[in-house]
Amino acid sequence: MKFICDQMLINLGKWLRIAGYDTLIILDGLSDIFIEERAVKEDRYLLTKDKHFLNEGVKKIVYIKSVRLHSCVEELTQKLEVNWLFNPLSRCLICNTELIEVNQSEIPDKLKSFDEVVKCPHCLKYYWHGSHYKAMVEQLTKWQNHEWN
């Protein structure tokens, strides 16, 4: 599954990226027509809080009524059966690019103590399996087990 989230669901979009899903997050300034066309062209589910999209003919649209993140996650999971442990932290949280493994010789000195370090080939951001990683995987595991709060 691939997703495109409108600006009202940025946080949900970030967590879908954390789970490993190819997720575009639309910020201010893009027209609704552009968003609809991109969703259709790239075969993405359009996640939105904007009811007018429901009348636009986009087949893969999920209207999210909830406000709080955990409630949005629960609602989306009920509608699409999202696997929150799909491929955790395999995409850049900033630009959505798939992360690549880093050779030991390329790892910056401050990250050499970590067993696994990956990087985004697009924006060059490094990611490692530290306490923040563990906390995110714990949250994804709770959602996968239908623990919503």
C-alpha atoms as a PDB file:
ATOM      1  CA  MET A   1       0.000   0.000   0.000  1.00  0.00           C
ATOM      2  CA  LYS A   2       1.093   3.544  -0.759  1.00  0.00           C
ATOM      3  CA  PHE A   3      -0.428   6.672   0.723  1.00  0.00           C
ATOM      4  CA  ILE A   4      -0.796  10.393   0.195  1.00  0.00           C
ATOM      5  CA  CYS A   5      -1.838  12.449   3.236  1.00  0.00           C
ATOM      6  CA  ASP A   6      -3.265  15.917   3.118  1.00  0.00           C
ATOM      7  CA  GLN A   7      -1.934  18.649   5.390  1.00  0.00           C
ATOM      8  CA  MET A   8      -4.480  17.855   8.105  1.00  0.00           C
ATOM      9  CA  LEU A   9      -2.988  14.368   8.581  1.00  0.00           C
ATOM     10  CA  ILE A  10       0.734  15.158   8.641  1.00  0.00           C
ATOM     11  CA  ASN A  11       1.324  13.294  11.914  1.00  0.00           C
ATOM     12  CA  LEU A  12      -0.455  10.169  10.661  1.00  0.00           C
ATOM     13  CA  GLY A  13       1.619  10.378   7.478  1.00  0.00           C
ATOM     14  CA  LYS A  14       4.856  10.516   9.472  1.00  0.00           C
ATOM     15  CA  TRP A  15       3.878   7.396  11.399  1.00  0.00           C
ATOM     16  CA  LEU A  16       3.025   5.559   8.188  1.00  0.00           C
ATOM     17  CA  ARG A  17       6.555   6.400   7.009  1.00  0.00           C
ATOM     18  CA  ILE A  18       7.938   5.148  10.320  1.00  0.00           C
ATOM     19  CA  ALA A  19       6.057   1.884   9.684  1.00  0.00           C
ATOM     20  CA  GLY A  20       7.782   1.668   6.294  1.00  0.00           C
ATOM     21  CA  TYR A  21       5.011   2.737   3.933  1.00  0.00           C
ATOM     22  CA  ASP A  22       5.677   4.935   0.910  1.00  0.00           C
ATOM     23  CA  THR A  23       3.773   7.999   2.116  1.00  0.00           C
ATOM     24  CA  LEU A  24       3.641  11.422   0.516  1.00  0.00           C
ATOM     25  CA  ILE A  25       2.739  14.257   2.852  1.00  0.00           C
ATOM     26  CA  ILE A  26       1.159  17.248   1.154  1.00  0.00           C
ATOM     27  CA  LEU A  27       1.917  20.630   2.662  1.00  0.00           C
ATOM     28  CA  ASP A  28       0.277  23.980   1.944  1.00  0.00           C
ATOM     29  CA  GLY A  29       0.136  25.317  -1.561  1.00  0.00           C
ATOM     30  CA  LEU A  30      -0.779  22.318  -3.686  1.00  0.00           C
ATOM     31  CA  SER A  31      -4.132  22.253  -5.397  1.00  0.00           C
ATOM     32  CA  ASP A  32      -6.708  19.573  -4.686  1.00  0.00           C
ATOM     33  CA  ILE A  33      -6.624  18.601  -8.360  1.00  0.00           C
ATOM     34  CA  PHE A  34      -2.874  17.968  -8.139  1.00  0.00           C
ATOM     35  CA  ILE A  35      -3.365  15.818  -5.025  1.00  0.00           C
ATOM     36  CA  GLU A  36      -6.155  13.801  -6.654  1.00  0.00           C
ATOM     37  CA  GLU A  37      -4.190  13.287  -9.878  1.00  0.00           C
ATOM     38  CA  ARG A  38      -1.083  12.183  -7.988  1.00  0.00           C
ATOM     39  CA  ALA A  39      -3.083   9.713  -5.887  1.00  0.00           C
ATOM     40  CA  VAL A  40      -4.623   8.159  -9.003  1.00  0.00           C
ATOM     41  CA  LYS A  41      -1.439   8.210 -11.114  1.00  0.00           C
ATOM     42  CA  GLU A  42       0.679   6.587  -8.392  1.00  0.00           C
ATOM     43  CA  ASP A  43      -2.053   4.217  -7.140  1.00  0.00           C
ATOM     44  CA  ARG A  44      -2.022   5.707  -3.636  1.00  0.00           C
ATOM     45  CA  TYR A  45      -4.675   5.782  -0.963  1.00  0.00           C
ATOM     46  CA  LEU A  46      -5.627   9.397  -0.350  1.00  0.00           C
ATOM     47  CA  LEU A  47      -5.977   9.961   3.393  1.00  0.00           C
ATOM     48  CA  THR A  48      -7.878  13.130   4.187  1.00  0.00           C
ATOM     49  CA  LYS A  49     -10.036  15.002   6.665  1.00  0.00           C
ATOM     50  CA  ASP A  50     -11.508  17.074   3.829  1.00  0.00           C
ATOM     51  CA  LYS A  51     -15.014  15.834   2.933  1.00  0.00           C
ATOM     52  CA  HIS A  52     -15.061  17.442  -0.507  1.00  0.00           C
ATOM     53  CA  PHE A  53     -12.598  14.798  -1.775  1.00  0.00           C
ATOM     54  CA  LEU A  54     -15.355  12.217  -1.276  1.00  0.00           C
ATOM     55  CA  ASN A  55     -17.239  13.639  -4.262  1.00  0.00           C
ATOM     56  CA  GLU A  56     -14.269  13.883  -6.617  1.00  0.00           C
ATOM     57  CA  GLY A  57     -14.184  10.332  -7.965  1.00  0.00           C
ATOM     58  CA  VAL A  58     -10.926   9.199  -6.367  1.00  0.00           C
ATOM     59  CA  LYS A  59     -11.460   5.476  -5.808  1.00  0.00           C
ATOM     60  CA  LYS A  60      -8.839   4.904  -3.113  1.00  0.00           C
ATOM     61  CA  ILE A  61      -9.851   7.535  -0.591  1.00  0.00           C
ATOM     62  CA  VAL A  62     -10.037   7.170   3.163  1.00  0.00           C
ATOM     63  CA  TYR A  63     -11.833   9.894   5.052  1.00  0.00           C
ATOM     64  CA  ILE A  64     -10.489  10.145   8.616  1.00  0.00           C
ATOM     65  CA  LYS A  65     -12.923  11.668  11.113  1.00  0.00           C
ATOM     66  CA  SER A  66     -10.754  11.346  14.210  1.00  0.00           C
ATOM     67  CA  VAL A  67      -8.620  14.143  15.612  1.00  0.00           C
ATOM     68  CA  ARG A  68      -6.093  12.561  18.009  1.00  0.00           C
ATOM     69  CA  LEU A  69      -3.252  10.533  16.467  1.00  0.00           C
ATOM     70  CA  HIS A  70      -4.110   7.278  18.264  1.00  0.00           C
ATOM     71  CA  SER A  71      -7.735   7.584  17.164  1.00  0.00           C
ATOM     72  CA  CYS A  72      -6.663   8.278  13.565  1.00  0.00           C
ATOM     73  CA  VAL A  73      -4.429   5.190  13.672  1.00  0.00           C
ATOM     74  CA  GLU A  74      -7.288   3.071  14.998  1.00  0.00           C
ATOM     75  CA  GLU A  75      -9.710   4.395  12.376  1.00  0.00           C
ATOM     76  CA  LEU A  76      -7.261   3.826   9.510  1.00  0.00           C
ATOM     77  CA  THR A  77      -6.427   0.322  10.748  1.00  0.00           C
ATOM     78  CA  GLN A  78     -10.115  -0.586  10.885  1.00  0.00           C
ATOM     79  CA  LYS A  79     -10.653   0.686   7.335  1.00  0.00           C
ATOM     80  CA  LEU A  80      -7.512  -0.692   5.651  1.00  0.00           C
ATOM     81  CA  GLU A  81      -6.004  -3.270   8.032  1.00  0.00           C
ATOM     82  CA  VAL A  82      -2.644  -1.476   8.059  1.00  0.00           C
ATOM     83  CA  ASN A  83       0.303  -3.615   9.183  1.00  0.00           C
ATOM     84  CA  TRP A  84       2.118  -1.247  11.541  1.00  0.00           C
ATOM     85  CA  LEU A  85       5.154  -3.556  11.581  1.00  0.00           C
ATOM     86  CA  PHE A  86       5.351  -3.652   7.763  1.00  0.00           C
ATOM     87  CA  ASN A  87       8.993  -2.511   7.486  1.00  0.00           C
ATOM     88  CA  PRO A  88       9.798  -0.171  10.394  1.00  0.00           C
ATOM     89  CA  LEU A  89      12.172   2.702   9.793  1.00  0.00           C
ATOM     90  CA  SER A  90      13.062   1.747   6.253  1.00  0.00           C
ATOM     91  CA  ARG A  91      12.160   5.150   4.760  1.00  0.00           C
ATOM     92  CA  CYS A  92      13.489   8.631   5.403  1.00  0.00           C
ATOM     93  CA  LEU A  93      11.144  10.467   7.749  1.00  0.00           C
ATOM     94  CA  ILE A  94      11.929  13.739   5.998  1.00  0.00           C
ATOM     95  CA  CYS A  95      11.750  12.947   2.274  1.00  0.00           C
ATOM     96  CA  ASN A  96      10.203   9.424   2.102  1.00  0.00           C
ATOM     97  CA  THR A  97      13.179   7.899   0.207  1.00  0.00           C
ATOM     98  CA  GLU A  98      14.101   4.282   0.982  1.00  0.00           C
ATOM     99  CA  LEU A  99      17.061   4.115   3.359  1.00  0.00           C
ATOM    100  CA  ILE A 100      20.274   2.309   2.427  1.00  0.00           C
ATOM    101  CA  GLU A 101      22.828   0.449   4.532  1.00  0.00           C
ATOM    102  CA  VAL A 102      26.044   2.279   5.297  1.00  0.00           C
ATOM    103  CA  ASN A 103      29.502   0.696   5.108  1.00  0.00           C
ATOM    104  CA  GLN A 104      31.338   0.770   8.432  1.00  0.00           C
ATOM    105  CA  SER A 105      33.949   3.093   6.915  1.00  0.00           C
ATOM    106  CA  GLU A 106      31.261   5.659   6.001  1.00  0.00           C
ATOM    107  CA  ILE A 107      29.682   5.876   9.452  1.00  0.00           C
ATOM    108  CA  PRO A 108      30.412   9.165  11.225  1.00  0.00           C
ATOM    109  CA  ASP A 109      32.531   8.728  14.369  1.00  0.00           C
ATOM    110  CA  LYS A 110      29.708   9.771  16.689  1.00  0.00           C
ATOM    111  CA  LEU A 111      27.549   6.872  15.371  1.00  0.00           C
ATOM    112  CA  LYS A 112      30.180   4.096  15.300  1.00  0.00           C
ATOM    113  CA  SER A 113      28.956   2.675  18.619  1.00  0.00           C
ATOM    114  CA  PHE A 114      25.614   1.689  17.061  1.00  0.00           C
ATOM    115  CA  ASP A 115      25.216  -1.742  15.474  1.00  0.00           C
ATOM    116  CA  GLU A 116      23.032  -0.676  12.592  1.00  0.00           C
ATOM    117  CA  VAL A 117      23.284   2.660  10.799  1.00  0.00           C
ATOM    118  CA  VAL A 118      21.410   3.536   7.615  1.00  0.00           C
ATOM    119  CA  LYS A 119      21.194   6.707   5.590  1.00  0.00           C
ATOM    120  CA  CYS A 120      18.960   8.468   3.126  1.00  0.00           C
ATOM    121  CA  PRO A 121      20.640   8.642  -0.288  1.00  0.00           C
ATOM    122  CA  HIS A 122      18.579  11.732  -1.139  1.00  0.00           C
ATOM    123  CA  CYS A 123      18.913  14.074   1.854  1.00  0.00           C
ATOM    124  CA  LEU A 124      21.915  12.245   3.419  1.00  0.00           C
ATOM    125  CA  LYS A 125      20.361  12.022   6.892  1.00  0.00           C
ATOM    126  CA  TYR A 126      21.635   9.158   9.068  1.00  0.00           C
ATOM    127  CA  TYR A 127      19.402   6.901  11.168  1.00  0.00           C
ATOM    128  CA  TRP A 128      20.497   4.418  13.820  1.00  0.00           C
ATOM    129  CA  HIS A 129      18.932   1.927  16.202  1.00  0.00           C
ATOM    130  CA  GLY A 130      19.091   3.861  19.452  1.00  0.00           C
ATOM    131  CA  SER A 131      16.522   4.539  22.175  1.00  0.00           C
ATOM    132  CA  HIS A 132      14.360   6.687  19.863  1.00  0.00           C
ATOM    133  CA  TYR A 133      14.191   3.823  17.340  1.00  0.00           C
ATOM    134  CA  LYS A 134      13.204   1.381  20.085  1.00  0.00           C
ATOM    135  CA  ALA A 135      10.459   3.711  21.342  1.00  0.00           C
ATOM    136  CA  MET A 136       9.003   4.070  17.839  1.00  0.00           C
ATOM    137  CA  VAL A 137       9.016   0.296  17.264  1.00  0.00           C
ATOM    138  CA  GLU A 138       7.325  -0.187  20.658  1.00  0.00           C
ATOM    139  CA  GLN A 139       4.574   2.236  19.606  1.00  0.00           C
ATOM    140  CA  LEU A 140       4.132   0.482  16.250  1.00  0.00           C
ATOM    141  CA  THR A 141       3.914  -2.861  18.068  1.00  0.00           C
ATOM    142  CA  LYS A 142       1.158  -1.529  20.336  1.00  0.00           C
ATOM    143  CA  TRP A 143      -0.821  -0.364  17.323  1.00  0.00           C
ATOM    144  CA  GLN A 144      -0.270  -3.675  15.558  1.00  0.00           C
ATOM    145  CA  ASN A 145      -1.716  -5.345  18.668  1.00  0.00           C
ATOM    146  CA  HIS A 146      -4.705  -2.954  18.588  1.00  0.00           C
ATOM    147  CA  GLU A 147      -3.624  -1.021  21.684  1.00  0.00           C
ATOM    148  CA  TRP A 148      -4.759   2.469  20.743  1.00  0.00           C
ATOM    149  CA  ASN A 149      -3.886   4.688  23.710  1.00  0.00           C
END
